[in-house]
Every structure is written in structure tokens, then in C-alpha cells.
Amino acid sequence: MPDVPNMDDANLALRLYELRREPELRKARKMVGDLLDGASWETVQAVRQYGHKENAHFRQVTSYWEMVCAFVNRGIFHPDVFLDTCGESLYTFSALEPHIAKIRESGSPRFLVQTEKVIADHPAVKERMDAIRAARAQWAAQAAAAAAAKKPAKKPAKLPAKKK
């Protein structure tokens, strides 16, 4: 892998961007934020089933980003250009990260291994992933605080009956 990106990296980044504009891949990418971000294991497991209406989108978006990460891991795509142009892959990984171990245990042992390797092998990518994780933790804390603030006040205890 050359130390600096070259025109092949630029051309690949542009081609990958073109593919991301394809209508079904757009729907697949949107599904991550709409359905899977913050989802329970039960929801993720349901989407993984072939009969689920979003299963094709699930497979499309995860395999797309795994393909891109495989290019980085094989020296086909410069990691700096990946980092500059494909941050959404890290968001997708972060949305599914709480479930990766279970997904691997339940029949997909190589699920997102290419993405995980890119994160582990490239300090700048790991730094970005850590920032995404921190932001997600902050968003979760804010959402929890907002939900707690909206909870109705506890019903006051029943007052004792007045004595006559």
C-alpha cells in the first residue's frame, strides 16, 4: 500500500459514492438509521431472517460496507481515503456493534470482520470509531434523560379518610 493516496483511490471513492446513490442501496442505508440504530436483539434477529421485509436491505448494506473494508484490508483502497469518504460504514458498524457477538454466534461467524479489522489496524479509523461511540453514548444519555423528564409524576399516595 502506498504511503499516500493516489488517483486509483480517488476513482474508487467516486465509484463507491456512485453506488451509494443507487435507490435500493439508499433504502438499505436508511434502514440502518430508521430500524436498526438502537434496536433490540429481537429486532436485529428478526431482520436477519430471510422472510423479513428488510432482510435484503440488511444483507445489502452490511455486505456493501464489508466489501469496501475488504478493499482497505487488501491494500486496494487507501485507509485515509476510506476514512475521509466512508464514515457511514463506521456508523453502520456502531449501530450493529451491540449485537455482533450474538450474530457471529448464531451462524454468521464472519459478520463485519472486515470492518472490525479496518478499525483495529488503522489508528485514525479507530480514533473516529471511538468518537462515534462516545457520541452515541452521549445521545443515549440525552435520550434517557429526556424520557425520564417526560415520565408522569408518581400518583400521590391515597390520603387518609377524614374523621367525622
N, C-alpha and C. Protein backbone atom coordinates (compact mmCIF):
# COMPACT_ATOMS: atom_id res chain seq x y z
N MET A 1 0.85 -1.18 0.00
CA MET A 1 0.00 0.00 0.00
C MET A 1 0.89 1.23 0.00
N PRO A 2 0.69 2.11 -0.97
CA PRO A 2 1.47 3.35 -0.97
C PRO A 2 1.19 4.18 0.28
N ASP A 3 2.17 4.96 0.70
CA ASP A 3 2.00 5.80 1.88
C ASP A 3 0.98 6.90 1.68
N VAL A 4 0.83 7.32 0.45
CA VAL A 4 -0.13 8.39 0.17
C VAL A 4 -1.17 7.89 -0.84
N PRO A 5 -2.37 8.41 -0.73
CA PRO A 5 -3.40 8.02 -1.70
C PRO A 5 -3.01 8.46 -3.11
N ASN A 6 -3.57 7.76 -4.09
CA ASN A 6 -3.29 8.12 -5.47
C ASN A 6 -4.62 8.24 -6.24
N MET A 7 -4.53 8.41 -7.54
CA MET A 7 -5.72 8.59 -8.36
C MET A 7 -6.61 7.35 -8.37
N ASP A 8 -6.03 6.18 -8.22
CA ASP A 8 -6.87 4.97 -8.13
C ASP A 8 -7.78 5.03 -6.91
N ASP A 9 -7.24 5.53 -5.80
CA ASP A 9 -8.06 5.69 -4.60
C ASP A 9 -9.17 6.71 -4.83
N ALA A 10 -8.83 7.80 -5.49
CA ALA A 10 -9.85 8.83 -5.78
C ALA A 10 -10.93 8.25 -6.69
N ASN A 11 -10.54 7.54 -7.71
CA ASN A 11 -11.52 6.95 -8.62
C ASN A 11 -12.39 5.91 -7.94
N LEU A 12 -11.80 5.11 -7.07
CA LEU A 12 -12.58 4.11 -6.35
C LEU A 12 -13.56 4.80 -5.39
N ALA A 13 -13.11 5.85 -4.71
CA ALA A 13 -14.00 6.59 -3.81
C ALA A 13 -15.19 7.15 -4.57
N LEU A 14 -14.94 7.70 -5.76
CA LEU A 14 -16.03 8.23 -6.57
C LEU A 14 -16.98 7.13 -7.02
N ARG A 15 -16.44 6.00 -7.40
CA ARG A 15 -17.29 4.87 -7.83
C ARG A 15 -18.13 4.34 -6.67
N LEU A 16 -17.52 4.24 -5.50
CA LEU A 16 -18.26 3.80 -4.32
C LEU A 16 -19.38 4.77 -3.98
N TYR A 17 -19.11 6.06 -4.16
CA TYR A 17 -20.14 7.06 -3.91
C TYR A 17 -21.29 6.91 -4.92
N GLU A 18 -20.96 6.68 -6.17
CA GLU A 18 -21.99 6.45 -7.19
C GLU A 18 -22.88 5.27 -6.79
N LEU A 19 -22.27 4.20 -6.34
CA LEU A 19 -23.03 3.02 -5.93
C LEU A 19 -23.94 3.33 -4.74
N ARG A 20 -23.48 4.19 -3.84
CA ARG A 20 -24.29 4.54 -2.68
C ARG A 20 -25.53 5.32 -3.07
N ARG A 21 -25.54 5.90 -4.24
CA ARG A 21 -26.70 6.66 -4.71
C ARG A 21 -27.75 5.77 -5.37
N GLU A 22 -27.43 4.51 -5.59
CA GLU A 22 -28.38 3.58 -6.20
C GLU A 22 -29.60 3.48 -5.27
N PRO A 23 -30.83 3.53 -5.83
CA PRO A 23 -32.03 3.63 -4.99
C PRO A 23 -32.18 2.53 -3.93
N GLU A 24 -31.92 1.29 -4.26
CA GLU A 24 -32.09 0.24 -3.25
C GLU A 24 -31.02 0.32 -2.17
N LEU A 25 -29.81 0.70 -2.55
CA LEU A 25 -28.78 0.85 -1.52
C LEU A 25 -29.10 2.04 -0.63
N ARG A 26 -29.67 3.08 -1.18
CA ARG A 26 -30.12 4.22 -0.36
C ARG A 26 -31.14 3.75 0.67
N LYS A 27 -32.10 2.94 0.23
CA LYS A 27 -33.12 2.41 1.15
C LYS A 27 -32.47 1.54 2.21
N ALA A 28 -31.51 0.74 1.81
CA ALA A 28 -30.81 -0.13 2.75
C ALA A 28 -30.05 0.69 3.79
N ARG A 29 -29.37 1.72 3.34
CA ARG A 29 -28.62 2.58 4.25
C ARG A 29 -29.55 3.31 5.21
N LYS A 30 -30.68 3.76 4.70
CA LYS A 30 -31.67 4.45 5.54
C LYS A 30 -32.24 3.50 6.59
N MET A 31 -32.43 2.25 6.23
CA MET A 31 -32.98 1.27 7.14
C MET A 31 -32.11 1.12 8.39
N VAL A 32 -30.81 1.28 8.25
CA VAL A 32 -29.93 1.16 9.42
C VAL A 32 -30.33 2.21 10.46
N GLY A 33 -30.47 3.45 10.03
CA GLY A 33 -30.83 4.51 10.97
C GLY A 33 -32.26 4.43 11.46
N ASP A 34 -33.16 4.04 10.58
CA ASP A 34 -34.58 4.00 10.94
C ASP A 34 -34.96 2.80 11.79
N LEU A 35 -34.36 1.66 11.54
CA LEU A 35 -34.80 0.43 12.18
C LEU A 35 -33.76 -0.19 13.11
N LEU A 36 -32.50 -0.15 12.72
CA LEU A 36 -31.50 -0.91 13.47
C LEU A 36 -30.74 -0.10 14.51
N ASP A 37 -30.67 1.20 14.35
CA ASP A 37 -29.93 2.02 15.29
C ASP A 37 -30.65 2.01 16.63
N GLY A 38 -30.03 1.43 17.64
CA GLY A 38 -30.63 1.34 18.96
C GLY A 38 -31.62 0.20 19.10
N ALA A 39 -31.67 -0.67 18.11
CA ALA A 39 -32.65 -1.76 18.12
C ALA A 39 -32.28 -2.83 19.13
N SER A 40 -33.29 -3.53 19.57
CA SER A 40 -33.09 -4.67 20.47
C SER A 40 -32.54 -5.85 19.68
N TRP A 41 -32.00 -6.83 20.41
CA TRP A 41 -31.54 -8.06 19.77
C TRP A 41 -32.68 -8.72 19.01
N GLU A 42 -33.87 -8.70 19.57
CA GLU A 42 -35.01 -9.34 18.93
C GLU A 42 -35.30 -8.71 17.56
N THR A 43 -35.19 -7.40 17.47
CA THR A 43 -35.42 -6.71 16.19
C THR A 43 -34.33 -7.09 15.19
N VAL A 44 -33.08 -7.04 15.63
CA VAL A 44 -31.97 -7.38 14.72
C VAL A 44 -32.10 -8.82 14.27
N GLN A 45 -32.39 -9.71 15.19
CA GLN A 45 -32.53 -11.12 14.84
C GLN A 45 -33.67 -11.32 13.84
N ALA A 46 -34.78 -10.61 14.03
CA ALA A 46 -35.91 -10.72 13.10
C ALA A 46 -35.51 -10.25 11.70
N VAL A 47 -34.80 -9.13 11.61
CA VAL A 47 -34.38 -8.59 10.31
C VAL A 47 -33.42 -9.54 9.61
N ARG A 48 -32.67 -10.31 10.35
CA ARG A 48 -31.72 -11.26 9.76
C ARG A 48 -32.42 -12.45 9.11
N GLN A 49 -33.67 -12.66 9.41
CA GLN A 49 -34.40 -13.80 8.85
C GLN A 49 -34.83 -13.50 7.42
N TYR A 50 -34.67 -14.48 6.53
CA TYR A 50 -34.97 -14.27 5.12
C TYR A 50 -36.40 -13.83 4.85
N GLY A 51 -37.33 -14.18 5.70
CA GLY A 51 -38.71 -13.80 5.49
C GLY A 51 -39.03 -12.37 5.87
N HIS A 52 -38.11 -11.69 6.55
CA HIS A 52 -38.36 -10.31 6.97
C HIS A 52 -38.31 -9.37 5.78
N LYS A 53 -39.19 -8.38 5.77
CA LYS A 53 -39.26 -7.45 4.62
C LYS A 53 -37.99 -6.62 4.46
N GLU A 54 -37.19 -6.45 5.51
CA GLU A 54 -35.95 -5.66 5.40
C GLU A 54 -34.70 -6.52 5.30
N ASN A 55 -34.86 -7.84 5.21
CA ASN A 55 -33.68 -8.71 5.18
C ASN A 55 -32.77 -8.41 4.00
N ALA A 56 -33.32 -8.20 2.84
CA ALA A 56 -32.48 -7.91 1.66
C ALA A 56 -31.69 -6.62 1.87
N HIS A 57 -32.33 -5.63 2.46
CA HIS A 57 -31.62 -4.37 2.73
C HIS A 57 -30.53 -4.57 3.77
N PHE A 58 -30.82 -5.38 4.78
CA PHE A 58 -29.82 -5.68 5.80
C PHE A 58 -28.58 -6.32 5.17
N ARG A 59 -28.81 -7.33 4.35
CA ARG A 59 -27.69 -8.01 3.70
C ARG A 59 -26.97 -7.08 2.74
N GLN A 60 -27.72 -6.23 2.04
CA GLN A 60 -27.11 -5.34 1.06
C GLN A 60 -26.20 -4.32 1.73
N VAL A 61 -26.69 -3.67 2.76
CA VAL A 61 -25.89 -2.61 3.38
C VAL A 61 -24.68 -3.18 4.12
N THR A 62 -24.86 -4.29 4.82
CA THR A 62 -23.71 -4.83 5.54
C THR A 62 -22.67 -5.42 4.59
N SER A 63 -23.11 -6.06 3.54
CA SER A 63 -22.13 -6.62 2.59
C SER A 63 -21.45 -5.52 1.78
N TYR A 64 -22.16 -4.43 1.50
CA TYR A 64 -21.55 -3.31 0.79
C TYR A 64 -20.38 -2.75 1.60
N TRP A 65 -20.64 -2.45 2.88
CA TRP A 65 -19.56 -1.86 3.68
C TRP A 65 -18.46 -2.87 3.97
N GLU A 66 -18.79 -4.14 4.08
CA GLU A 66 -17.75 -5.15 4.25
C GLU A 66 -16.87 -5.23 3.01
N MET A 67 -17.46 -5.10 1.83
CA MET A 67 -16.68 -5.11 0.59
C MET A 67 -15.70 -3.94 0.58
N VAL A 68 -16.19 -2.77 0.94
CA VAL A 68 -15.33 -1.58 0.97
C VAL A 68 -14.19 -1.79 1.97
N CYS A 69 -14.51 -2.31 3.15
CA CYS A 69 -13.47 -2.54 4.15
C CYS A 69 -12.48 -3.62 3.70
N ALA A 70 -12.97 -4.61 2.98
CA ALA A 70 -12.06 -5.63 2.43
C ALA A 70 -11.07 -4.98 1.46
N PHE A 71 -11.52 -4.00 0.69
CA PHE A 71 -10.61 -3.28 -0.21
C PHE A 71 -9.51 -2.61 0.60
N VAL A 72 -9.86 -2.01 1.72
CA VAL A 72 -8.85 -1.36 2.58
C VAL A 72 -7.90 -2.42 3.13
N ASN A 73 -8.46 -3.50 3.65
CA ASN A 73 -7.64 -4.55 4.27
C ASN A 73 -6.71 -5.24 3.28
N ARG A 74 -7.07 -5.26 2.02
CA ARG A 74 -6.25 -5.92 0.99
C ARG A 74 -5.31 -4.94 0.27
N GLY A 75 -5.30 -3.68 0.70
CA GLY A 75 -4.41 -2.70 0.09
C GLY A 75 -4.93 -2.14 -1.24
N ILE A 76 -6.19 -2.34 -1.53
CA ILE A 76 -6.78 -1.85 -2.79
C ILE A 76 -7.25 -0.40 -2.64
N PHE A 77 -7.64 -0.03 -1.43
CA PHE A 77 -8.21 1.29 -1.15
C PHE A 77 -7.46 1.87 0.04
N HIS A 78 -6.94 3.07 -0.12
CA HIS A 78 -6.13 3.68 0.92
C HIS A 78 -6.98 3.98 2.15
N PRO A 79 -6.49 3.61 3.35
CA PRO A 79 -7.29 3.82 4.56
C PRO A 79 -7.64 5.28 4.84
N ASP A 80 -6.76 6.21 4.44
CA ASP A 80 -7.06 7.62 4.65
C ASP A 80 -8.23 8.07 3.78
N VAL A 81 -8.28 7.59 2.56
CA VAL A 81 -9.40 7.95 1.67
C VAL A 81 -10.68 7.26 2.17
N PHE A 82 -10.56 6.04 2.63
CA PHE A 82 -11.70 5.37 3.25
C PHE A 82 -12.23 6.23 4.39
N LEU A 83 -11.36 6.64 5.29
CA LEU A 83 -11.75 7.43 6.44
C LEU A 83 -12.42 8.74 6.02
N ASP A 84 -11.87 9.37 5.00
CA ASP A 84 -12.41 10.64 4.52
C ASP A 84 -13.75 10.51 3.82
N THR A 85 -14.03 9.36 3.24
CA THR A 85 -15.21 9.25 2.37
C THR A 85 -16.23 8.21 2.79
N CYS A 86 -15.92 7.36 3.73
CA CYS A 86 -16.81 6.23 4.05
C CYS A 86 -17.13 6.12 5.53
N GLY A 87 -17.28 7.25 6.18
CA GLY A 87 -17.60 7.25 7.60
C GLY A 87 -18.90 6.53 7.93
N GLU A 88 -19.80 6.48 6.98
CA GLU A 88 -21.07 5.81 7.21
C GLU A 88 -20.89 4.33 7.53
N SER A 89 -19.82 3.75 7.02
CA SER A 89 -19.56 2.34 7.35
C SER A 89 -19.33 2.18 8.84
N LEU A 90 -18.67 3.16 9.45
CA LEU A 90 -18.41 3.11 10.89
C LEU A 90 -19.70 3.33 11.68
N TYR A 91 -20.57 4.19 11.18
CA TYR A 91 -21.88 4.37 11.80
C TYR A 91 -22.68 3.07 11.75
N THR A 92 -22.66 2.41 10.60
CA THR A 92 -23.37 1.14 10.46
C THR A 92 -22.81 0.12 11.44
N PHE A 93 -21.49 0.05 11.53
CA PHE A 93 -20.86 -0.86 12.49
C PHE A 93 -21.30 -0.51 13.90
N SER A 94 -21.32 0.77 14.24
CA SER A 94 -21.68 1.17 15.60
C SER A 94 -23.13 0.84 15.91
N ALA A 95 -24.01 0.94 14.93
CA ALA A 95 -25.43 0.61 15.15
C ALA A 95 -25.60 -0.89 15.44
N LEU A 96 -24.76 -1.70 14.83
CA LEU A 96 -24.87 -3.15 15.00
C LEU A 96 -23.91 -3.72 16.04
N GLU A 97 -22.98 -2.92 16.48
CA GLU A 97 -21.93 -3.39 17.39
C GLU A 97 -22.46 -4.11 18.64
N PRO A 98 -23.54 -3.64 19.26
CA PRO A 98 -24.01 -4.37 20.45
C PRO A 98 -24.46 -5.80 20.15
N HIS A 99 -24.70 -6.10 18.89
CA HIS A 99 -25.24 -7.41 18.51
C HIS A 99 -24.26 -8.29 17.73
N ILE A 100 -23.08 -7.80 17.44
CA ILE A 100 -22.15 -8.52 16.58
C ILE A 100 -21.79 -9.89 17.15
N ALA A 101 -21.49 -9.96 18.43
CA ALA A 101 -21.11 -11.25 19.02
C ALA A 101 -22.24 -12.27 18.86
N LYS A 102 -23.48 -11.85 19.14
CA LYS A 102 -24.61 -12.78 19.01
C LYS A 102 -24.83 -13.19 17.56
N ILE A 103 -24.66 -12.24 16.64
CA ILE A 103 -24.82 -12.57 15.22
C ILE A 103 -23.79 -13.61 14.81
N ARG A 104 -22.55 -13.42 15.25
CA ARG A 104 -21.49 -14.36 14.92
C ARG A 104 -21.76 -15.73 15.54
N GLU A 105 -22.25 -15.74 16.76
CA GLU A 105 -22.55 -17.00 17.44
C GLU A 105 -23.73 -17.72 16.80
N SER A 106 -24.61 -16.97 16.16
CA SER A 106 -25.84 -17.58 15.63
C SER A 106 -25.75 -17.86 14.13
N GLY A 107 -24.57 -18.19 13.66
CA GLY A 107 -24.46 -18.68 12.30
C GLY A 107 -23.75 -17.80 11.29
N SER A 108 -23.27 -16.63 11.70
CA SER A 108 -22.55 -15.74 10.78
C SER A 108 -21.21 -15.35 11.40
N PRO A 109 -20.27 -16.30 11.48
CA PRO A 109 -19.02 -16.05 12.21
C PRO A 109 -18.14 -14.95 11.62
N ARG A 110 -18.35 -14.59 10.37
CA ARG A 110 -17.51 -13.55 9.75
C ARG A 110 -18.23 -12.21 9.63
N PHE A 111 -19.34 -12.07 10.34
CA PHE A 111 -20.13 -10.85 10.24
C PHE A 111 -19.32 -9.63 10.66
N LEU A 112 -19.16 -8.70 9.74
CA LEU A 112 -18.45 -7.43 9.90
C LEU A 112 -17.00 -7.57 10.36
N VAL A 113 -16.35 -8.69 10.03
CA VAL A 113 -14.95 -8.86 10.42
C VAL A 113 -14.03 -7.92 9.63
N GLN A 114 -14.37 -7.62 8.40
CA GLN A 114 -13.54 -6.70 7.62
C GLN A 114 -13.58 -5.29 8.22
N THR A 115 -14.76 -4.86 8.62
CA THR A 115 -14.90 -3.54 9.24
C THR A 115 -14.15 -3.51 10.57
N GLU A 116 -14.30 -4.55 11.35
CA GLU A 116 -13.61 -4.64 12.62
C GLU A 116 -12.09 -4.58 12.43
N LYS A 117 -11.59 -5.23 11.38
CA LYS A 117 -10.15 -5.23 11.10
C LYS A 117 -9.67 -3.84 10.69
N VAL A 118 -10.44 -3.14 9.87
CA VAL A 118 -10.06 -1.78 9.48
C VAL A 118 -9.94 -0.91 10.73
N ILE A 119 -10.90 -1.04 11.63
CA ILE A 119 -10.89 -0.25 12.86
C ILE A 119 -9.66 -0.60 13.70
N ALA A 120 -9.38 -1.87 13.85
CA ALA A 120 -8.25 -2.32 14.68
C ALA A 120 -6.89 -1.95 14.08
N ASP A 121 -6.78 -2.00 12.76
CA ASP A 121 -5.48 -1.85 12.11
C ASP A 121 -5.07 -0.41 11.78
N HIS A 122 -5.99 0.52 11.83
CA HIS A 122 -5.69 1.88 11.40
C HIS A 122 -6.04 2.86 12.52
N PRO A 123 -5.03 3.42 13.18
CA PRO A 123 -5.27 4.28 14.34
C PRO A 123 -6.24 5.44 14.09
N ALA A 124 -6.17 6.06 12.93
CA ALA A 124 -7.08 7.18 12.66
C ALA A 124 -8.53 6.69 12.53
N VAL A 125 -8.71 5.51 11.98
CA VAL A 125 -10.05 4.93 11.88
C VAL A 125 -10.55 4.57 13.27
N LYS A 126 -9.68 3.99 14.09
CA LYS A 126 -10.06 3.65 15.46
C LYS A 126 -10.43 4.91 16.24
N GLU A 127 -9.68 5.96 16.04
CA GLU A 127 -9.98 7.22 16.71
C GLU A 127 -11.37 7.74 16.31
N ARG A 128 -11.67 7.65 15.03
CA ARG A 128 -13.00 8.07 14.56
C ARG A 128 -14.09 7.17 15.15
N MET A 129 -13.83 5.87 15.21
CA MET A 129 -14.80 4.94 15.79
C MET A 129 -15.02 5.25 17.26
N ASP A 130 -13.95 5.55 17.97
CA ASP A 130 -14.08 5.91 19.38
C ASP A 130 -14.92 7.18 19.54
N ALA A 131 -14.74 8.14 18.64
CA ALA A 131 -15.55 9.37 18.69
C ALA A 131 -17.02 9.06 18.42
N ILE A 132 -17.28 8.16 17.49
CA ILE A 132 -18.66 7.77 17.20
C ILE A 132 -19.26 7.07 18.41
N ARG A 133 -18.51 6.20 19.03
CA ARG A 133 -19.01 5.50 20.23
C ARG A 133 -19.32 6.51 21.34
N ALA A 134 -18.45 7.48 21.54
CA ALA A 134 -18.67 8.49 22.58
C ALA A 134 -19.91 9.32 22.26
N ALA A 135 -20.05 9.71 21.01
CA ALA A 135 -21.24 10.48 20.61
C ALA A 135 -22.50 9.67 20.82
N ARG A 136 -22.47 8.40 20.47
CA ARG A 136 -23.64 7.53 20.63
C ARG A 136 -23.98 7.39 22.12
N ALA A 137 -22.98 7.27 22.97
CA ALA A 137 -23.23 7.17 24.41
C ALA A 137 -23.87 8.46 24.92
N GLN A 138 -23.38 9.58 24.43
CA GLN A 138 -23.94 10.88 24.83
C GLN A 138 -25.39 11.00 24.35
N TRP A 139 -25.66 10.59 23.11
CA TRP A 139 -27.04 10.64 22.59
C TRP A 139 -27.97 9.76 23.43
N ALA A 140 -27.48 8.58 23.79
CA ALA A 140 -28.29 7.65 24.59
C ALA A 140 -28.59 8.26 25.96
N ALA A 141 -27.59 8.89 26.56
CA ALA A 141 -27.79 9.51 27.87
C ALA A 141 -28.79 10.66 27.76
N GLN A 142 -28.69 11.45 26.70
CA GLN A 142 -29.63 12.55 26.50
C GLN A 142 -31.04 12.03 26.27
N ALA A 143 -31.17 10.97 25.50
CA ALA A 143 -32.48 10.38 25.24
C ALA A 143 -33.08 9.84 26.53
N ALA A 144 -32.25 9.19 27.34
CA ALA A 144 -32.74 8.65 28.62
C ALA A 144 -33.18 9.77 29.54
N ALA A 145 -32.40 10.85 29.58
CA ALA A 145 -32.76 11.99 30.43
C ALA A 145 -34.06 12.63 29.96
N ALA A 146 -34.21 12.75 28.64
CA ALA A 146 -35.44 13.33 28.09
C ALA A 146 -36.64 12.44 28.38
N ALA A 147 -36.46 11.14 28.26
CA ALA A 147 -37.55 10.21 28.55
C ALA A 147 -37.92 10.27 30.03
N ALA A 148 -36.92 10.37 30.89
CA ALA A 148 -37.19 10.44 32.34
C ALA A 148 -37.93 11.74 32.68
N ALA A 149 -37.57 12.81 32.00
CA ALA A 149 -38.22 14.10 32.25
C ALA A 149 -39.69 14.09 31.81
N LYS A 150 -40.02 13.27 30.84
CA LYS A 150 -41.39 13.21 30.32
C LYS A 150 -42.27 12.24 31.08
N LYS A 151 -41.68 11.46 31.98
CA LYS A 151 -42.47 10.49 32.74
C LYS A 151 -43.45 11.25 33.61
N PRO A 152 -44.67 10.75 33.68
CA PRO A 152 -45.63 11.43 34.55
C PRO A 152 -45.21 11.29 36.01
N ALA A 153 -45.57 12.28 36.77
CA ALA A 153 -45.23 12.24 38.18
C ALA A 153 -45.95 11.05 38.82
N LYS A 154 -45.33 10.50 39.84
CA LYS A 154 -45.96 9.38 40.53
C LYS A 154 -47.25 9.85 41.16
N LYS A 155 -48.22 8.97 41.13
CA LYS A 155 -49.51 9.26 41.73
C LYS A 155 -49.30 9.44 43.23
N PRO A 156 -49.86 10.50 43.79
CA PRO A 156 -49.68 10.66 45.24
C PRO A 156 -50.39 9.54 45.98
N ALA A 157 -49.84 9.23 47.10
CA ALA A 157 -50.47 8.19 47.92
C ALA A 157 -51.86 8.64 48.30
N LYS A 158 -52.72 7.69 48.47
CA LYS A 158 -54.10 7.99 48.83
C LYS A 158 -54.11 8.66 50.20
N LEU A 159 -54.83 9.76 50.30
CA LEU A 159 -54.93 10.46 51.56
C LEU A 159 -55.84 9.68 52.49
N PRO A 160 -55.53 9.71 53.76
CA PRO A 160 -56.43 9.01 54.68
C PRO A 160 -57.79 9.70 54.72
N ALA A 161 -58.79 8.92 54.98
CA ALA A 161 -60.14 9.48 55.05
C ALA A 161 -60.24 10.44 56.23
N LYS A 162 -61.03 11.50 56.02
CA LYS A 162 -61.23 12.48 57.09
C LYS A 162 -62.07 11.87 58.20
N LYS A 163 -61.72 12.21 59.43
CA LYS A 163 -62.51 11.75 60.55
C LYS A 163 -63.67 12.69 60.72
N LYS A 164 -64.81 12.14 61.04
CA LYS A 164 -66.01 12.96 61.23
C LYS A 164 -66.17 13.37 62.64
